[in-house]
Protein backbone atom coordinates (compact mmCIF):
# COMPACT_ATOMS: atom_id res chain seq x y z
CA MET A 1 26.61 4.59 -34.51
CA THR A 2 23.54 2.19 -32.98
CA ALA A 3 21.61 4.45 -30.92
CA ASN A 4 20.96 4.21 -27.59
CA PRO A 5 17.96 1.67 -27.09
CA PRO A 6 14.66 3.21 -25.08
CA PHE A 7 14.75 2.70 -21.24
CA VAL A 8 11.83 0.71 -21.66
CA ARG A 9 10.18 -0.35 -24.98
CA ILE A 10 6.95 -2.34 -25.67
CA SER A 11 6.59 -4.00 -29.02
CA GLY A 12 3.81 -5.59 -30.49
CA LEU A 13 1.98 -6.31 -26.98
CA SER A 14 -0.96 -8.87 -27.11
CA LYS A 15 -2.71 -10.72 -24.10
CA VAL A 16 -5.17 -12.74 -24.08
CA PHE A 17 -6.81 -14.65 -21.31
CA ASP A 18 -7.60 -18.14 -21.97
CA GLY A 19 -11.11 -19.49 -22.28
CA ASN A 20 -12.27 -22.69 -20.76
CA GLU A 21 -16.14 -24.50 -20.61
CA ALA A 22 -17.55 -21.81 -19.13
CA HIS A 23 -16.13 -18.32 -20.31
CA ASP A 24 -15.27 -17.39 -24.10
CA ALA A 25 -11.01 -16.51 -24.46
CA ILE A 26 -10.41 -12.64 -23.35
CA HIS A 27 -8.59 -10.14 -25.54
CA VAL A 28 -7.82 -7.38 -23.52
CA ILE A 29 -4.48 -5.99 -25.31
CA ASP A 30 -4.22 -5.42 -28.97
CA ASN A 31 -1.15 -4.75 -30.80
CA VAL A 32 0.52 -2.14 -28.33
CA SER A 33 4.12 -0.06 -28.57
CA LEU A 34 5.37 2.19 -26.65
CA ASP A 35 8.29 3.64 -25.65
CA ILE A 36 9.28 5.32 -22.58
CA ASP A 37 12.57 7.39 -21.34
CA ALA A 38 14.43 7.75 -18.35
CA GLY A 39 12.91 9.09 -15.99
CA GLU A 40 9.64 10.11 -17.75
CA PHE A 41 6.20 10.00 -16.37
CA ILE A 42 3.57 8.33 -17.96
CA VAL A 43 0.23 8.01 -16.98
CA PHE A 44 -1.91 5.24 -18.49
CA LEU A 45 -5.02 6.20 -18.63
CA GLY A 46 -8.34 4.52 -20.21
CA PRO A 47 -12.25 3.01 -18.79
CA SER A 48 -12.31 0.52 -16.32
CA GLY A 49 -11.32 -3.33 -17.23
CA CYS A 50 -10.19 -2.18 -20.73
CA GLY A 51 -6.83 -3.84 -20.40
CA LYS A 52 -4.37 -0.68 -19.24
CA THR A 53 -3.83 -2.59 -15.36
CA THR A 54 -2.72 -5.96 -17.34
CA LEU A 55 -0.45 -3.63 -20.20
CA MET A 56 1.03 -2.39 -16.56
CA ARG A 57 1.21 -5.93 -14.86
CA VAL A 58 3.29 -7.45 -17.96
CA VAL A 59 5.51 -4.55 -17.51
CA GLY A 60 6.69 -5.53 -14.47
CA GLY A 61 6.57 -9.10 -15.53
CA LEU A 62 3.72 -10.15 -12.86
CA GLU A 63 2.19 -11.27 -16.28
CA LEU A 64 3.20 -13.00 -19.70
CA ALA A 65 2.25 -10.96 -22.78
CA THR A 66 0.65 -13.41 -25.50
CA SER A 67 2.90 -12.15 -28.18
CA GLY A 68 5.13 -9.05 -28.47
CA THR A 69 7.67 -8.06 -25.89
CA VAL A 70 8.52 -6.03 -23.59
CA ASP A 71 12.48 -4.95 -22.93
CA LEU A 72 13.66 -2.61 -19.51
CA VAL A 73 17.02 -0.83 -19.97
CA GLY A 74 16.99 -3.28 -23.14
CA ALA A 75 16.97 -6.40 -21.67
CA ARG A 76 13.58 -8.64 -21.85
CA VAL A 77 11.12 -8.74 -19.50
CA THR A 78 10.45 -12.62 -18.70
CA GLY A 79 9.42 -12.27 -14.63
CA PRO A 80 8.73 -9.68 -11.70
CA ASP A 81 12.13 -8.76 -10.10
CA ARG A 82 13.38 -6.13 -7.62
CA HIS A 83 14.79 -3.45 -10.44
CA LYS A 84 10.81 -3.37 -11.47
CA GLY A 85 8.74 -1.61 -8.22
CA MET A 86 4.97 -2.29 -8.25
CA VAL A 87 2.52 0.08 -5.86
CA PHE A 88 -0.66 -1.29 -5.49
CA GLN A 89 -3.92 0.55 -4.83
CA ALA A 90 -4.87 -2.43 -1.82
CA TYR A 91 -2.26 -1.31 0.84
CA THR A 92 0.74 -3.38 0.95
CA SER A 93 2.20 -3.32 4.82
CA PHE A 94 2.95 -5.44 7.14
CA PRO A 95 1.10 -5.39 10.35
CA TRP A 96 4.38 -6.93 12.87
CA LEU A 97 6.58 -4.48 11.23
CA THR A 98 6.68 -0.47 12.71
CA VAL A 99 6.90 1.68 9.76
CA TYR A 100 10.83 1.94 9.95
CA GLN A 101 10.97 -1.89 9.85
CA ASN A 102 8.40 -1.60 6.61
CA ILE A 103 10.50 0.33 4.29
CA LEU A 104 13.86 -1.21 5.73
CA PHE A 105 12.14 -4.58 4.33
CA GLY A 106 12.69 -3.19 0.28
CA THR A 107 16.30 -3.39 1.07
CA LYS A 108 15.90 -7.76 2.14
CA TYR A 109 17.10 -8.76 -1.30
CA ARG A 110 19.75 -5.92 -2.87
CA ASN A 111 23.18 -7.95 -2.40
CA ASP A 112 24.35 -4.90 -4.15
CA ILE A 113 24.90 -3.20 -0.67
CA SER A 114 26.19 -3.66 3.40
CA THR A 115 23.74 -3.54 6.28
CA VAL A 116 24.94 -0.08 7.34
CA GLU A 117 24.08 1.20 3.62
CA LYS A 118 20.60 -0.89 3.32
CA ALA A 119 19.54 0.86 7.47
CA GLU A 120 20.79 4.51 5.60
CA ILE A 121 18.62 3.74 2.49
CA ALA A 122 15.81 3.09 4.92
CA HIS A 123 15.94 6.28 7.13
CA HIS A 124 16.84 8.17 3.68
CA TYR A 125 13.20 6.99 1.81
CA LEU A 126 11.46 6.86 5.51
CA GLU A 127 12.35 11.42 5.48
CA LEU A 128 11.48 11.88 1.99
CA VAL A 129 8.48 10.86 2.14
CA GLY A 130 7.46 12.83 5.55
CA LEU A 131 7.15 10.29 8.59
CA SER A 132 10.38 10.36 10.43
CA GLU A 133 8.71 11.26 13.23
CA TYR A 134 6.39 7.78 12.30
CA ALA A 135 9.33 5.88 12.61
CA ASN A 136 8.47 3.34 15.70
CA PHE A 137 4.79 2.73 14.54
CA TYR A 138 2.99 0.16 13.83
CA VAL A 139 1.63 0.40 10.21
CA ASN A 140 -2.33 -0.24 12.17
CA ARG A 141 -1.81 2.79 13.68
CA ILE A 142 -0.81 4.79 10.57
CA SER A 143 -3.93 5.94 8.29
CA GLY A 144 -4.29 5.41 4.77
CA GLY A 145 -2.69 7.83 3.33
CA MET A 146 0.99 7.02 5.42
CA ARG A 147 0.84 3.39 4.75
CA GLN A 148 1.06 4.30 0.91
CA ARG A 149 3.53 6.37 1.41
CA VAL A 150 5.10 3.81 3.55
CA ALA A 151 4.47 1.57 0.55
CA ILE A 152 5.82 3.25 -1.78
CA ALA A 153 9.28 4.46 0.27
CA ARG A 154 9.35 0.49 0.47
CA THR A 155 9.83 -0.12 -3.45
CA LEU A 156 12.38 2.59 -3.63
CA ALA A 157 14.58 1.21 -1.15
CA ALA A 158 14.66 -2.10 -2.94
CA GLY A 159 16.18 0.57 -5.92
CA PRO A 160 13.72 -0.64 -8.91
CA ASP A 161 14.64 1.24 -12.24
CA ILE A 162 11.22 1.91 -12.86
CA LEU A 163 7.93 2.16 -10.36
CA LEU A 164 4.92 0.83 -11.95
CA MET A 165 1.48 1.87 -9.83
CA ASP A 166 -1.47 0.70 -10.19
CA GLU A 167 -3.87 3.50 -8.94
CA PRO A 168 -2.29 3.76 -5.73
CA PHE A 169 -4.49 6.68 -4.41
CA GLY A 170 -7.70 4.98 -5.87
CA ALA A 171 -9.01 4.31 -2.39
CA LEU A 172 -8.39 7.80 -0.21
CA ASP A 173 -10.44 10.54 0.49
CA ALA A 174 -10.14 13.37 -1.86
CA GLN A 175 -7.95 15.27 0.25
CA THR A 176 -5.70 12.93 1.21
CA ARG A 177 -5.06 11.97 -2.12
CA GLU A 178 -3.92 15.64 -3.90
CA PHE A 179 -1.32 16.31 -0.78
CA LEU A 180 -0.28 12.48 -2.42
CA GLN A 181 -0.39 13.61 -5.80
CA VAL A 182 2.07 16.27 -4.73
CA LYS A 183 4.42 14.15 -2.85
CA LEU A 184 4.53 12.05 -5.36
CA LEU A 185 5.63 14.26 -7.76
CA GLU A 186 8.28 15.32 -5.18
CA ILE A 187 9.81 11.71 -5.26
CA SER A 188 9.72 11.57 -9.42
CA ARG A 189 11.44 14.80 -9.31
CA LEU A 190 14.20 14.06 -6.76
CA GLU A 191 14.87 10.61 -7.51
CA LYS A 192 14.31 10.71 -11.08
CA LYS A 193 13.06 7.28 -12.10
CA ALA A 194 10.93 6.36 -14.54
CA VAL A 195 7.08 6.20 -13.36
CA ILE A 196 4.41 3.93 -15.33
CA PHE A 197 0.61 5.15 -12.77
CA VAL A 198 -2.72 3.61 -14.08
CA THR A 199 -5.59 5.48 -13.16
CA HIS A 200 -9.59 6.10 -15.27
CA ASP A 201 -9.24 9.75 -13.33
CA VAL A 202 -8.83 12.30 -15.95
CA GLU A 203 -8.47 14.99 -13.81
CA GLU A 204 -4.97 13.13 -12.06
CA ALA A 205 -4.10 11.77 -15.25
CA VAL A 206 -3.69 15.43 -16.26
CA PHE A 207 -2.03 16.53 -12.96
CA LEU A 208 0.57 14.28 -12.45
CA ALA A 209 2.04 12.58 -16.33
CA ASP A 210 4.84 13.91 -18.28
CA ARG A 211 2.34 11.80 -21.27
CA ILE A 212 -1.02 10.19 -20.79
CA VAL A 213 -1.40 7.25 -22.75
CA MET A 214 -4.72 6.90 -23.76
CA PHE A 215 -6.31 3.33 -24.61
CA SER A 216 -9.50 2.17 -25.99
CA ALA A 217 -12.29 0.51 -24.37
CA ARG A 218 -11.42 -2.96 -24.30
CA PRO A 219 -9.14 -4.68 -25.80
CA ALA A 220 -6.97 -1.82 -25.38
CA LYS A 221 -5.72 -0.29 -28.51
CA ILE A 222 -3.95 2.96 -28.21
CA VAL A 223 -5.80 6.10 -28.89
CA GLU A 224 -3.95 8.81 -28.22
CA ILE A 225 -0.70 9.97 -26.83
CA LEU A 226 -0.87 13.24 -25.29
CA SER A 227 1.81 15.73 -23.82
CA ILE A 228 0.98 17.33 -20.82
CA LYS A 229 4.99 18.18 -20.10
CA ASP A 230 4.53 20.52 -23.48
CA THR A 231 1.85 22.72 -22.86
CA ILE A 232 2.26 23.02 -18.33
CA SER A 233 5.88 23.04 -17.41
CA GLY A 234 7.81 24.08 -14.36
CA GLN A 235 6.97 22.45 -11.03
CA ARG A 236 3.18 21.70 -10.37
CA SER A 237 1.34 22.31 -7.31
CA LEU A 238 -2.13 22.49 -6.87
CA GLU A 239 -2.67 25.90 -8.02
CA THR A 240 -1.71 24.93 -11.60
CA LYS A 241 -5.32 22.17 -11.41
CA GLU A 242 -7.16 26.12 -11.58
CA THR A 243 -5.07 27.12 -14.46
CA GLU A 244 -6.46 27.67 -18.43
CA GLU A 245 -4.30 25.75 -19.46
CA PHE A 246 -4.78 22.73 -17.27
CA PHE A 247 -8.33 22.94 -17.74
CA ARG A 248 -8.13 22.75 -21.32
CA LEU A 249 -5.81 19.50 -21.54
CA ARG A 250 -8.06 17.98 -18.82
CA ASN A 251 -11.16 18.36 -20.95
CA HIS A 252 -9.96 17.42 -24.13
CA VAL A 253 -8.35 13.74 -22.62
CA ARG A 254 -11.77 13.94 -20.46
CA ASN A 255 -13.91 13.74 -24.54
CA VAL A 256 -11.16 11.19 -25.72
CA MET A 257 -12.46 9.55 -22.75
CA LEU A 258 -16.22 9.89 -22.82
CA SER A 259 -16.05 8.41 -26.72
CA GLU A 260 -14.62 5.70 -25.28
CA THR A 261 -16.60 5.05 -22.47
CA ASN A 262 -19.73 5.14 -24.82
CA VAL A 263 -17.96 2.27 -26.68
CA MET A 264 -18.55 0.44 -23.31
CA GLY A 265 -22.32 1.01 -23.11
CA LEU A 266 -21.25 2.82 -19.74
CA ILE A 267 -22.78 6.01 -20.45
CA GLY A 268 -23.53 7.68 -16.53
CA ALA A 269 -21.03 6.57 -15.11
CA PRO A 270 -18.61 9.34 -15.63
CA ILE A 271 -14.88 8.80 -15.58
CA GLY A 272 -13.08 9.63 -12.79
CA SER A 273 -16.02 8.37 -10.89
CA GLY A 274 -14.52 4.96 -9.20
CA ALA A 275 -17.18 3.08 -12.06
């Protein structure tokens, strides 16, 4: 009997950005292979500029690999589509639409559901991200954290198989960031979606991840894959960050990442500082 393929399979993937007369070619990703299970929350962690965002974009079909492949549910990834939902650091809401209309827009290209079902889905995600009372507000009248919740809800309304998130909380204040980390874990638990989350913040990585994939300085190679769920079990809350297990994992990951930061000559720019 043939075993089912993994939900996501990245096989021998490398990426080189071509050079020109002014710049040499840049080797960004070097022979990365990784399997991701359905419903798994994976965090890509590495020094700034190491290539982790480029790898996520290749998984999303926004970049083409120089060599190697990505398969999603057994199908080769050759470009972007609604099955791969993207959430970026920059706010991507439409200012001329209300919060509800922004979320409803996520269903626009779904041909598998009726107009009535689209409205039901939009209301479902509006409630899931806690913005029902702001449904008729234009997005330029709500906070940055709320706008990111709108972006997450709109992406989920499109019905993706996997959620790809590129430092979505990086521009937010610390309190809002922690609130959205907890909200994202709640959404992930309820929706059972696979997530790839890119960050260079160690504490955020340990708090969110089932597994952390740690990358070297550019070109990105996997230096370690650490299972967090094997040590921190059960539902996480902000109190989780105060436990001995959390501190131990955070310190281990920080040490691995500091060694890679030192390789890049970035001593003095601590991991998680925004550098």
